[in-house]
C-alpha atoms as a PDB file:
ATOM      1  CA  MET A   1      -1.719  -5.378  -4.725  1.00  0.00           C
ATOM      2  CA  LEU A   2      -2.834  -6.261  -8.281  1.00  0.00           C
ATOM      3  CA  LYS A   3      -5.967  -8.237  -6.833  1.00  0.00           C
ATOM      4  CA  ILE A   4      -6.683  -5.310  -4.310  1.00  0.00           C
ATOM      5  CA  ILE A   5      -6.485  -2.965  -7.252  1.00  0.00           C
ATOM      6  CA  GLY A   6      -7.554  -5.482  -9.782  1.00  0.00           C
ATOM      7  CA  LYS A   7      -4.543  -5.264 -12.334  1.00  0.00           C
ATOM      8  CA  PRO A   8      -4.321  -8.445 -14.298  1.00  0.00           C
ATOM      9  CA  THR A   9      -2.299 -10.762 -12.908  1.00  0.00           C
ATOM     10  CA  GLY A  10       0.594 -10.945 -14.418  1.00  0.00           C
ATOM     11  CA  THR A  11       0.710  -7.521 -15.723  1.00  0.00           C
ATOM     12  CA  PRO A  12       3.357  -5.419 -14.092  1.00  0.00           C
ATOM     13  CA  LEU A  13       3.187  -2.896 -11.646  1.00  0.00           C
ATOM     14  CA  GLY A  14       5.743  -0.147 -11.981  1.00  0.00           C
ATOM     15  CA  GLU A  15       7.122   1.265  -8.813  1.00  0.00           C
ATOM     16  CA  SER A  16       6.214   4.253  -9.137  1.00  0.00           C
ATOM     17  CA  GLU A  17       2.689   3.901 -10.644  1.00  0.00           C
ATOM     18  CA  ASP A  18      -0.048   6.145  -9.314  1.00  0.00           C
ATOM     19  CA  LEU A  19      -2.439   3.927  -7.632  1.00  0.00           C
ATOM     20  CA  ARG A  20      -5.185   6.367  -7.177  1.00  0.00           C
ATOM     21  CA  GLY A  21      -5.621   6.072 -10.940  1.00  0.00           C
ATOM     22  CA  PHE A  22      -7.291   2.924 -10.977  1.00  0.00           C
ATOM     23  CA  ALA A  23     -11.076   2.704 -10.443  1.00  0.00           C
ATOM     24  CA  SER A  24     -10.823  -0.262  -8.595  1.00  0.00           C
ATOM     25  CA  PHE A  25      -8.582   1.757  -5.667  1.00  0.00           C
ATOM     26  CA  ASP A  26     -11.069   3.002  -3.832  1.00  0.00           C
ATOM     27  CA  SER A  27     -11.723   3.787   0.361  1.00  0.00           C
ATOM     28  CA  LEU A  28     -12.191   0.309   1.170  1.00  0.00           C
ATOM     29  CA  SER A  29      -9.019  -0.627  -1.345  1.00  0.00           C
ATOM     30  CA  PHE A  30      -7.224   1.481   1.022  1.00  0.00           C
ATOM     31  CA  LEU A  31      -7.786  -0.016   3.863  1.00  0.00           C
ATOM     32  CA  GLU A  32      -7.107  -3.596   2.121  1.00  0.00           C
ATOM     33  CA  VAL A  33      -3.737  -2.568   1.725  1.00  0.00           C
ATOM     34  CA  LEU A  34      -3.238  -1.238   5.575  1.00  0.00           C
ATOM     35  CA  THR A  35      -4.640  -4.357   6.912  1.00  0.00           C
ATOM     36  CA  TRP A  36      -2.851  -6.604   4.742  1.00  0.00           C
ATOM     37  CA  LEU A  37       0.266  -4.485   5.840  1.00  0.00           C
ATOM     38  CA  GLU A  38      -0.473  -5.075   9.523  1.00  0.00           C
ATOM     39  CA  GLY A  39      -0.987  -9.009   8.835  1.00  0.00           C
ATOM     40  CA  GLU A  40       2.348  -9.017   6.856  1.00  0.00           C
ATOM     41  CA  PHE A  41       4.686  -6.567   8.245  1.00  0.00           C
ATOM     42  CA  GLY A  42       3.720  -6.286  11.540  1.00  0.00           C
ATOM     43  CA  ALA A  43       2.898  -2.471  10.300  1.00  0.00           C
ATOM     44  CA  GLU A  44       0.949  -0.277  12.354  1.00  0.00           C
ATOM     45  CA  VAL A  45      -0.281   2.613  11.405  1.00  0.00           C
ATOM     46  CA  PRO A  46      -1.802   5.045  13.598  1.00  0.00           C
ATOM     47  CA  ASP A  47      -4.874   7.113  12.099  1.00  0.00           C
ATOM     48  CA  ASP A  48      -2.909  10.216  12.486  1.00  0.00           C
ATOM     49  CA  GLU A  49      -0.332   9.239   9.759  1.00  0.00           C
ATOM     50  CA  LEU A  50      -2.689   8.516   7.470  1.00  0.00           C
ATOM     51  CA  ARG A  51      -1.960   9.870   4.481  1.00  0.00           C
ATOM     52  CA  SER A  52      -3.053   8.997   0.586  1.00  0.00           C
ATOM     53  CA  GLU A  53       0.285  10.204  -1.054  1.00  0.00           C
ATOM     54  CA  ASP A  54       2.280   7.619   1.209  1.00  0.00           C
ATOM     55  CA  PHE A  55       0.146   5.053  -0.334  1.00  0.00           C
ATOM     56  CA  SER A  56      -0.095   6.263  -4.310  1.00  0.00           C
ATOM     57  CA  SER A  57       1.986   3.773  -5.480  1.00  0.00           C
ATOM     58  CA  VAL A  58       4.079   1.037  -4.603  1.00  0.00           C
ATOM     59  CA  GLY A  59       7.638   2.276  -3.904  1.00  0.00           C
ATOM     60  CA  LYS A  60       6.046   5.109  -1.347  1.00  0.00           C
ATOM     61  CA  ILE A  61       3.562   1.818   0.627  1.00  0.00           C
ATOM     62  CA  VAL A  62       7.416  -0.239   0.683  1.00  0.00           C
ATOM     63  CA  ASP A  63       9.213   3.453   1.702  1.00  0.00           C
ATOM     64  CA  PHE A  64       6.184   3.160   4.703  1.00  0.00           C
ATOM     65  CA  VAL A  65       7.040   0.327   6.253  1.00  0.00           C
ATOM     66  CA  LEU A  66      10.773   0.281   5.762  1.00  0.00           C
ATOM     67  CA  GLY A  67      10.310   3.873   7.788  1.00  0.00           C
ATOM     68  CA  ASN A  68       8.233   3.257  10.306  1.00  0.00           C
ATOM     69  CA  GLY A  69       9.801   0.712  12.439  1.00  0.00           C
ATOM     70  CA  THR A  70       8.218  -1.868  11.122  1.00  0.00           C
ATOM     71  CA  GLU A  71       9.063  -5.917  11.277  1.00  0.00           C
ATOM     72  CA  ALA A  72      10.461  -5.516   7.527  1.00  0.00           C
ATOM     73  CA  GLY A  73      11.867  -2.626   8.447  1.00  0.00           C
ATOM     74  CA  ARG A  74      14.427  -4.066  11.413  1.00  0.00           C
END
């Protein structure tokens, strides 16, 4: 995640820190996160469920993955 948003490694990323505040977290970065979630956790996100607010922080991404019946949420 740090690599995707461009935050230096070793710098803490708060669970509720708004990722949209990072200039490098753009639509391409959003797709990178989705691709990573699909590969890592089996998270399949239907297009009609894509809401930017569900992916605006690490905590919200975790909540989304756990709440959508993925391998991580089982």
